[in-house]
Amino acid sequence: MQRKFKSGDWVKIRGRLTAPKMQVIKYVPKRDAVLGVVDYNCYLECVWYKNGERNTEVFHQNKLIKTIETGGLFKFFLSQPKLSFS
């Protein structure tokens, strides 16, 4: 399977309105329980912060969507252009 994300991308869990913005750390190998095959291209380790506490979890890449907005220290805001009529 093709990799959809790269390290540093900001993602959210697909289908959840209150999901936190997470940053992709890396792809991690995960063994399939049925076939016993190790998959290197599907599972991502992501990090997010809640109440000053660092949380990490592993997600399948099909459960995540990429967000345009960044989070953490590197936030940027898309501002509306200022129109002047003078």
PDB file of N, CA and C in Angstrom:
ATOM      1  N   MET A   1       0.846  -1.177   0.000  1.00  0.00           N
ATOM      2  CA  MET A   1       0.000   0.000   0.000  1.00  0.00           C
ATOM      3  C   MET A   1       0.890   1.238   0.000  1.00  0.00           C
ATOM      4  N   GLN A   2       0.459   2.266  -0.680  1.00  0.00           N
ATOM      5  CA  GLN A   2       1.215   3.499  -0.785  1.00  0.00           C
ATOM      6  C   GLN A   2       1.064   4.332   0.485  1.00  0.00           C
ATOM      7  N   ARG A   3       2.144   4.996   0.886  1.00  0.00           N
ATOM      8  CA  ARG A   3       2.100   5.869   2.057  1.00  0.00           C
ATOM      9  C   ARG A   3       1.393   7.174   1.706  1.00  0.00           C
ATOM     10  N   LYS A   4       0.459   7.588   2.564  1.00  0.00           N
ATOM     11  CA  LYS A   4      -0.327   8.795   2.305  1.00  0.00           C
ATOM     12  C   LYS A   4       0.228  10.025   3.010  1.00  0.00           C
ATOM     13  N   PHE A   5       0.991   9.833   4.076  1.00  0.00           N
ATOM     14  CA  PHE A   5       1.465  10.943   4.889  1.00  0.00           C
ATOM     15  C   PHE A   5       2.979  10.873   5.032  1.00  0.00           C
ATOM     16  N   LYS A   6       3.552  11.966   5.525  1.00  0.00           N
ATOM     17  CA  LYS A   6       4.968  11.985   5.836  1.00  0.00           C
ATOM     18  C   LYS A   6       5.140  12.568   7.235  1.00  0.00           C
ATOM     19  N   SER A   7       6.300  12.407   7.805  1.00  0.00           N
ATOM     20  CA  SER A   7       6.564  12.922   9.142  1.00  0.00           C
ATOM     21  C   SER A   7       6.361  14.428   9.159  1.00  0.00           C
ATOM     22  N   GLY A   8       5.681  14.907  10.191  1.00  0.00           N
ATOM     23  CA  GLY A   8       5.429  16.334  10.327  1.00  0.00           C
ATOM     24  C   GLY A   8       4.071  16.781   9.829  1.00  0.00           C
ATOM     25  N   ASP A   9       3.341  15.933   9.113  1.00  0.00           N
ATOM     26  CA  ASP A   9       2.004  16.288   8.635  1.00  0.00           C
ATOM     27  C   ASP A   9       1.039  16.366   9.807  1.00  0.00           C
ATOM     28  N   TRP A  10       0.047  17.250   9.692  1.00  0.00           N
ATOM     29  CA  TRP A  10      -0.991  17.384  10.709  1.00  0.00           C
ATOM     30  C   TRP A  10      -2.225  16.647  10.239  1.00  0.00           C
ATOM     31  N   VAL A  11      -2.776  15.782  11.083  1.00  0.00           N
ATOM     32  CA  VAL A  11      -3.895  14.921  10.724  1.00  0.00           C
ATOM     33  C   VAL A  11      -4.971  14.936  11.806  1.00  0.00           C
ATOM     34  N   LYS A  12      -6.165  14.477  11.438  1.00  0.00           N
ATOM     35  CA  LYS A  12      -7.274  14.272  12.371  1.00  0.00           C
ATOM     36  C   LYS A  12      -7.868  12.915  12.083  1.00  0.00           C
ATOM     37  N   ILE A  13      -8.585  12.368  13.049  1.00  0.00           N
ATOM     38  CA  ILE A  13      -9.279  11.095  12.858  1.00  0.00           C
ATOM     39  C   ILE A  13     -10.517  11.349  12.012  1.00  0.00           C
ATOM     40  N   ARG A  14     -10.665  10.559  10.972  1.00  0.00           N
ATOM     41  CA  ARG A  14     -11.777  10.708  10.027  1.00  0.00           C
ATOM     42  C   ARG A  14     -13.102  10.410  10.724  1.00  0.00           C
ATOM     43  N   GLY A  15     -14.089  11.304  10.536  1.00  0.00           N
ATOM     44  CA  GLY A  15     -15.437  11.071  11.038  1.00  0.00           C
ATOM     45  C   GLY A  15     -15.705  11.566  12.448  1.00  0.00           C
ATOM     46  N   ARG A  16     -14.721  12.073  13.146  1.00  0.00           N
ATOM     47  CA  ARG A  16     -14.937  12.585  14.507  1.00  0.00           C
ATOM     48  C   ARG A  16     -14.832  14.102  14.490  1.00  0.00           C
ATOM     49  N   LEU A  17     -15.859  14.765  14.993  1.00  0.00           N
ATOM     50  CA  LEU A  17     -15.860  16.228  15.007  1.00  0.00           C
ATOM     51  C   LEU A  17     -14.960  16.791  16.098  1.00  0.00           C
ATOM     52  N   THR A  18     -14.820  16.077  17.195  1.00  0.00           N
ATOM     53  CA  THR A  18     -14.044  16.595  18.323  1.00  0.00           C
ATOM     54  C   THR A  18     -12.655  15.968  18.406  1.00  0.00           C
ATOM     55  N   ALA A  19     -12.181  15.394  17.325  1.00  0.00           N
ATOM     56  CA  ALA A  19     -10.866  14.744  17.332  1.00  0.00           C
ATOM     57  C   ALA A  19      -9.767  15.795  17.433  1.00  0.00           C
ATOM     58  N   PRO A  20      -8.726  15.519  18.208  1.00  0.00           N
ATOM     59  CA  PRO A  20      -7.629  16.488  18.321  1.00  0.00           C
ATOM     60  C   PRO A  20      -6.769  16.477  17.060  1.00  0.00           C
ATOM     61  N   LYS A  21      -6.100  17.611  16.811  1.00  0.00           N
ATOM     62  CA  LYS A  21      -5.128  17.657  15.725  1.00  0.00           C
ATOM     63  C   LYS A  21      -3.879  16.945  16.204  1.00  0.00           C
ATOM     64  N   MET A  22      -3.365  16.056  15.372  1.00  0.00           N
ATOM     65  CA  MET A  22      -2.202  15.264  15.748  1.00  0.00           C
ATOM     66  C   MET A  22      -1.113  15.468  14.704  1.00  0.00           C
ATOM     67  N   GLN A  23       0.119  15.288  15.137  1.00  0.00           N
ATOM     68  CA  GLN A  23       1.246  15.372  14.217  1.00  0.00           C
ATOM     69  C   GLN A  23       1.811  13.975  13.998  1.00  0.00           C
ATOM     70  N   VAL A  24       2.074  13.656  12.731  1.00  0.00           N
ATOM     71  CA  VAL A  24       2.624  12.350  12.374  1.00  0.00           C
ATOM     72  C   VAL A  24       4.089  12.313  12.773  1.00  0.00           C
ATOM     73  N   ILE A  25       4.486  11.270  13.506  1.00  0.00           N
ATOM     74  CA  ILE A  25       5.887  11.100  13.877  1.00  0.00           C
ATOM     75  C   ILE A  25       6.591  10.220  12.860  1.00  0.00           C
ATOM     76  N   LYS A  26       6.055   9.007  12.647  1.00  0.00           N
ATOM     77  CA  LYS A  26       6.701   8.080  11.717  1.00  0.00           C
ATOM     78  C   LYS A  26       5.768   6.916  11.427  1.00  0.00           C
ATOM     79  N   TYR A  27       6.112   6.173  10.397  1.00  0.00           N
ATOM     80  CA  TYR A  27       5.437   4.897  10.116  1.00  0.00           C
ATOM     81  C   TYR A  27       6.077   3.828  10.991  1.00  0.00           C
ATOM     82  N   VAL A  28       5.251   2.945  11.535  1.00  0.00           N
ATOM     83  CA  VAL A  28       5.747   1.886  12.400  1.00  0.00           C
ATOM     84  C   VAL A  28       5.357   0.528  11.824  1.00  0.00           C
ATOM     85  N   PRO A  29       6.227  -0.470  11.990  1.00  0.00           N
ATOM     86  CA  PRO A  29       5.865  -1.817  11.511  1.00  0.00           C
ATOM     87  C   PRO A  29       4.842  -2.461  12.443  1.00  0.00           C
ATOM     88  N   LYS A  30       3.892  -3.167  11.868  1.00  0.00           N
ATOM     89  CA  LYS A  30       2.878  -3.850  12.668  1.00  0.00           C
ATOM     90  C   LYS A  30       2.606  -5.209  12.045  1.00  0.00           C
ATOM     91  N   ARG A  31       2.579  -6.239  12.868  1.00  0.00           N
ATOM     92  CA  ARG A  31       2.375  -7.607  12.397  1.00  0.00           C
ATOM     93  C   ARG A  31       0.882  -7.910  12.308  1.00  0.00           C
ATOM     94  N   ASP A  32       0.469  -8.456  11.174  1.00  0.00           N
ATOM     95  CA  ASP A  32      -0.908  -8.892  10.979  1.00  0.00           C
ATOM     96  C   ASP A  32      -1.126 -10.169  11.779  1.00  0.00           C
ATOM     97  N   ALA A  33      -2.159 -10.204  12.612  1.00  0.00           N
ATOM     98  CA  ALA A  33      -2.404 -11.344  13.490  1.00  0.00           C
ATOM     99  C   ALA A  33      -2.813 -12.602  12.715  1.00  0.00           C
ATOM    100  N   VAL A  34      -3.534 -12.428  11.627  1.00  0.00           N
ATOM    101  CA  VAL A  34      -4.032 -13.582  10.880  1.00  0.00           C
ATOM    102  C   VAL A  34      -2.958 -14.167   9.974  1.00  0.00           C
ATOM    103  N   LEU A  35      -2.344 -13.316   9.156  1.00  0.00           N
ATOM    104  CA  LEU A  35      -1.375 -13.796   8.173  1.00  0.00           C
ATOM    105  C   LEU A  35       0.054 -13.880   8.717  1.00  0.00           C
ATOM    106  N   GLY A  36       0.347 -13.099   9.747  1.00  0.00           N
ATOM    107  CA  GLY A  36       1.689 -13.093  10.308  1.00  0.00           C
ATOM    108  C   GLY A  36       2.684 -12.269   9.516  1.00  0.00           C
ATOM    109  N   VAL A  37       2.190 -11.454   8.586  1.00  0.00           N
ATOM    110  CA  VAL A  37       3.041 -10.615   7.741  1.00  0.00           C
ATOM    111  C   VAL A  37       3.243  -9.266   8.416  1.00  0.00           C
ATOM    112  N   VAL A  38       4.461  -8.732   8.344  1.00  0.00           N
ATOM    113  CA  VAL A  38       4.745  -7.422   8.921  1.00  0.00           C
ATOM    114  C   VAL A  38       4.468  -6.352   7.864  1.00  0.00           C
ATOM    115  N   ASP A  39       3.673  -5.348   8.241  1.00  0.00           N
ATOM    116  CA  ASP A  39       3.310  -4.265   7.327  1.00  0.00           C
ATOM    117  C   ASP A  39       4.049  -3.003   7.752  1.00  0.00           C
ATOM    118  N   TYR A  40       4.826  -2.428   6.826  1.00  0.00           N
ATOM    119  CA  TYR A  40       5.630  -1.255   7.126  1.00  0.00           C
ATOM    120  C   TYR A  40       5.026   0.037   6.591  1.00  0.00           C
ATOM    121  N   ASN A  41       3.959  -0.013   5.799  1.00  0.00           N
ATOM    122  CA  ASN A  41       3.475   1.165   5.097  1.00  0.00           C
ATOM    123  C   ASN A  41       2.068   1.603   5.455  1.00  0.00           C
ATOM    124  N   CYS A  42       1.460   1.076   6.496  1.00  0.00           N
ATOM    125  CA  CYS A  42       0.065   1.407   6.776  1.00  0.00           C
ATOM    126  C   CYS A  42      -0.177   2.062   8.137  1.00  0.00           C
ATOM    127  N   TYR A  43       0.677   1.829   9.091  1.00  0.00           N
ATOM    128  CA  TYR A  43       0.398   2.294  10.453  1.00  0.00           C
ATOM    129  C   TYR A  43       1.308   3.454  10.826  1.00  0.00           C
ATOM    130  N   LEU A  44       0.685   4.512  11.390  1.00  0.00           N
ATOM    131  CA  LEU A  44       1.385   5.737  11.748  1.00  0.00           C
ATOM    132  C   LEU A  44       1.384   5.928  13.252  1.00  0.00           C
ATOM    133  N   GLU A  45       2.486   6.426  13.768  1.00  0.00           N
ATOM    134  CA  GLU A  45       2.532   6.858  15.161  1.00  0.00           C
ATOM    135  C   GLU A  45       2.304   8.360  15.171  1.00  0.00           C
ATOM    136  N   CYS A  46       1.297   8.801  15.929  1.00  0.00           N
ATOM    137  CA  CYS A  46       0.926  10.213  15.975  1.00  0.00           C
ATOM    138  C   CYS A  46       1.027  10.730  17.404  1.00  0.00           C
ATOM    139  N   VAL A  47       1.258  12.029  17.532  1.00  0.00           N
ATOM    140  CA  VAL A  47       1.370  12.655  18.844  1.00  0.00           C
ATOM    141  C   VAL A  47       0.426  13.853  18.901  1.00  0.00           C
ATOM    142  N   TRP A  48      -0.192  14.070  20.079  1.00  0.00           N
ATOM    143  CA  TRP A  48      -0.991  15.259  20.334  1.00  0.00           C
ATOM    144  C   TRP A  48      -0.865  15.596  21.805  1.00  0.00           C
ATOM    145  N   TYR A  49      -1.201  16.834  22.135  1.00  0.00           N
ATOM    146  CA  TYR A  49      -1.069  17.315  23.508  1.00  0.00           C
ATOM    147  C   TYR A  49      -2.435  17.709  24.038  1.00  0.00           C
ATOM    148  N   LYS A  50      -2.708  17.283  25.274  1.00  0.00           N
ATOM    149  CA  LYS A  50      -3.973  17.618  25.922  1.00  0.00           C
ATOM    150  C   LYS A  50      -3.674  17.957  27.373  1.00  0.00           C
ATOM    151  N   ASN A  51      -4.033  19.150  27.772  1.00  0.00           N
ATOM    152  CA  ASN A  51      -3.790  19.645  29.131  1.00  0.00           C
ATOM    153  C   ASN A  51      -2.318  19.551  29.512  1.00  0.00           C
ATOM    154  N   GLY A  52      -1.441  19.855  28.586  1.00  0.00           N
ATOM    155  CA  GLY A  52      -0.008  19.830  28.843  1.00  0.00           C
ATOM    156  C   GLY A  52       0.591  18.440  28.893  1.00  0.00           C
ATOM    157  N   GLU A  53      -0.189  17.440  28.563  1.00  0.00           N
ATOM    158  CA  GLU A  53       0.277  16.057  28.614  1.00  0.00           C
ATOM    159  C   GLU A  53       0.438  15.519  27.192  1.00  0.00           C
ATOM    160  N   ARG A  54       1.551  14.849  26.937  1.00  0.00           N
ATOM    161  CA  ARG A  54       1.851  14.311  25.600  1.00  0.00           C
ATOM    162  C   ARG A  54       1.239  12.926  25.458  1.00  0.00           C
ATOM    163  N   ASN A  55       0.461  12.741  24.397  1.00  0.00           N
ATOM    164  CA  ASN A  55      -0.178  11.457  24.121  1.00  0.00           C
ATOM    165  C   ASN A  55       0.295  10.952  22.768  1.00  0.00           C
ATOM    166  N   THR A  56       0.584   9.665  22.668  1.00  0.00           N
ATOM    167  CA  THR A  56       0.934   9.058  21.389  1.00  0.00           C
ATOM    168  C   THR A  56       0.079   7.817  21.183  1.00  0.00           C
ATOM    169  N   GLU A  57      -0.220   7.551  19.920  1.00  0.00           N
ATOM    170  CA  GLU A  57      -1.006   6.360  19.588  1.00  0.00           C
ATOM    171  C   GLU A  57      -0.708   5.969  18.143  1.00  0.00           C
ATOM    172  N   VAL A  58      -0.945   4.715  17.819  1.00  0.00           N
ATOM    173  CA  VAL A  58      -0.717   4.202  16.473  1.00  0.00           C
ATOM    174  C   VAL A  58      -2.075   4.069  15.778  1.00  0.00           C
ATOM    175  N   PHE A  59      -2.175   4.606  14.545  1.00  0.00           N
ATOM    176  CA  PHE A  59      -3.403   4.575  13.765  1.00  0.00           C
ATOM    177  C   PHE A  59      -3.123   4.010  12.375  1.00  0.00           C
ATOM    178  N   HIS A  60      -4.141   3.393  11.771  1.00  0.00           N
ATOM    179  CA  HIS A  60      -4.050   2.992  10.365  1.00  0.00           C
ATOM    180  C   HIS A  60      -4.224   4.254   9.526  1.00  0.00           C
ATOM    181  N   GLN A  61      -3.479   4.361   8.432  1.00  0.00           N
ATOM    182  CA  GLN A  61      -3.504   5.588   7.643  1.00  0.00           C
ATOM    183  C   GLN A  61      -4.854   5.864   6.995  1.00  0.00           C
ATOM    184  N   ASN A  62      -5.687   4.854   6.801  1.00  0.00           N
ATOM    185  CA  ASN A  62      -7.007   5.080   6.210  1.00  0.00           C
ATOM    186  C   ASN A  62      -7.992   5.687   7.201  1.00  0.00           C
ATOM    187  N   LYS A  63      -7.662   5.696   8.502  1.00  0.00           N
ATOM    188  CA  LYS A  63      -8.531   6.303   9.508  1.00  0.00           C
ATOM    189  C   LYS A  63      -8.241   7.781   9.706  1.00  0.00           C
ATOM    190  N   LEU A  64      -7.228   8.317   9.023  1.00  0.00           N
ATOM    191  CA  LEU A  64      -6.801   9.693   9.226  1.00  0.00           C
ATOM    192  C   LEU A  64      -7.025  10.523   7.977  1.00  0.00           C
ATOM    193  N   ILE A  65      -7.235  11.830   8.194  1.00  0.00           N
ATOM    194  CA  ILE A  65      -7.295  12.782   7.092  1.00  0.00           C
ATOM    195  C   ILE A  65      -6.334  13.926   7.396  1.00  0.00           C
ATOM    196  N   LYS A  66      -5.786  14.494   6.354  1.00  0.00           N
ATOM    197  CA  LYS A  66      -4.828  15.591   6.505  1.00  0.00           C
ATOM    198  C   LYS A  66      -5.574  16.891   6.752  1.00  0.00           C
ATOM    199  N   THR A  67      -5.055  17.728   7.658  1.00  0.00           N
ATOM    200  CA  THR A  67      -5.658  19.024   7.922  1.00  0.00           C
ATOM    201  C   THR A  67      -4.794  20.124   7.328  1.00  0.00           C
ATOM    202  N   ILE A  68      -5.433  21.204   6.954  1.00  0.00           N
ATOM    203  CA  ILE A  68      -4.715  22.343   6.391  1.00  0.00           C
ATOM    204  C   ILE A  68      -4.058  23.145   7.508  1.00  0.00           C
ATOM    205  N   GLU A  69      -4.781  23.342   8.611  1.00  0.00           N
ATOM    206  CA  GLU A  69      -4.255  24.119   9.716  1.00  0.00           C
ATOM    207  C   GLU A  69      -3.197  23.322  10.458  1.00  0.00           C
ATOM    208  N   THR A  70      -2.181  24.009  10.914  1.00  0.00           N
ATOM    209  CA  THR A  70      -1.174  23.360  11.740  1.00  0.00           C
ATOM    210  C   THR A  70      -1.542  23.567  13.192  1.00  0.00           C
ATOM    211  N   GLY A  71      -0.867  22.895  14.086  1.00  0.00           N
ATOM    212  CA  GLY A  71      -1.129  23.038  15.505  1.00  0.00           C
ATOM    213  C   GLY A  71       0.159  23.275  16.241  1.00  0.00           C
ATOM    214  N   GLY A  72       0.085  23.313  17.544  1.00  0.00           N
ATOM    215  CA  GLY A  72       1.297  23.453  18.341  1.00  0.00           C
ATOM    216  C   GLY A  72       1.943  24.817  18.218  1.00  0.00           C
ATOM    217  N   LEU A  73       3.264  24.845  18.172  1.00  0.00           N
ATOM    218  CA  LEU A  73       4.011  26.090  18.139  1.00  0.00           C
ATOM    219  C   LEU A  73       3.999  26.755  16.779  1.00  0.00           C
ATOM    220  N   PHE A  74       3.718  26.011  15.737  1.00  0.00           N
ATOM    221  CA  PHE A  74       3.865  26.524  14.392  1.00  0.00           C
ATOM    222  C   PHE A  74       2.518  26.828  13.746  1.00  0.00           C
ATOM    223  N   LYS A  75       1.658  27.528  14.458  1.00  0.00           N
ATOM    224  CA  LYS A  75       0.358  27.893  13.918  1.00  0.00           C
ATOM    225  C   LYS A  75       0.507  29.056  12.949  1.00  0.00           C
ATOM    226  N   PHE A  76      -0.256  29.017  11.893  1.00  0.00           N
ATOM    227  CA  PHE A  76      -0.364  30.167  11.029  1.00  0.00           C
ATOM    228  C   PHE A  76      -1.838  30.355  10.718  1.00  0.00           C
ATOM    229  N   PHE A  77      -2.203  31.587  10.489  1.00  0.00           N
ATOM    230  CA  PHE A  77      -3.605  31.890  10.276  1.00  0.00           C
ATOM    231  C   PHE A  77      -3.788  32.441   8.876  1.00  0.00           C
ATOM    232  N   LEU A  78      -4.802  31.964   8.202  1.00  0.00           N
ATOM    233  CA  LEU A  78      -5.151  32.494   6.901  1.00  0.00           C
ATOM    234  C   LEU A  78      -6.082  33.673   7.141  1.00  0.00           C
ATOM    235  N   SER A  79      -5.600  34.870   6.917  1.00  0.00           N
ATOM    236  CA  SER A  79      -6.417  36.047   7.193  1.00  0.00           C
ATOM    237  C   SER A  79      -7.088  36.515   5.912  1.00  0.00           C
ATOM    238  N   GLN A  80      -8.196  37.152   6.079  1.00  0.00           N
ATOM    239  CA  GLN A  80      -8.912  37.715   4.949  1.00  0.00           C
ATOM    240  C   GLN A  80      -8.158  38.943   4.443  1.00  0.00           C
ATOM    241  N   PRO A  81      -8.063  39.137   3.142  1.00  0.00           N
ATOM    242  CA  PRO A  81      -7.395  40.340   2.642  1.00  0.00           C
ATOM    243  C   PRO A  81      -8.194  41.581   3.013  1.00  0.00           C
ATOM    244  N   LYS A  82      -7.486  42.646   3.356  1.00  0.00           N
ATOM    245  CA  LYS A  82      -8.139  43.898   3.743  1.00  0.00           C
ATOM    246  C   LYS A  82      -8.409  44.708   2.480  1.00  0.00           C
ATOM    247  N   LEU A  83      -9.654  45.079   2.324  1.00  0.00           N
ATOM    248  CA  LEU A  83     -10.057  45.857   1.166  1.00  0.00           C
ATOM    249  C   LEU A  83     -10.143  47.318   1.544  1.00  0.00           C
ATOM    250  N   SER A  84      -9.626  48.172   0.707  1.00  0.00           N
ATOM    251  CA  SER A  84      -9.770  49.605   0.966  1.00  0.00           C
ATOM    252  C   SER A  84     -10.411  50.246  -0.256  1.00  0.00           C
ATOM    253  N   PHE A  85     -11.370  51.089   0.001  1.00  0.00           N
ATOM    254  CA  PHE A  85     -12.111  51.747  -1.060  1.00  0.00           C
ATOM    255  C   PHE A  85     -11.649  53.171  -1.291  1.00  0.00           C
ATOM    256  N   SER A  86     -10.498  53.530  -0.781  1.00  0.00           N
ATOM    257  CA  SER A  86     -10.033  54.907  -0.954  1.00  0.00           C
ATOM    258  C   SER A  86      -8.963  55.014  -1.996  1.00  0.00           C
TER     259      SER A  86
END
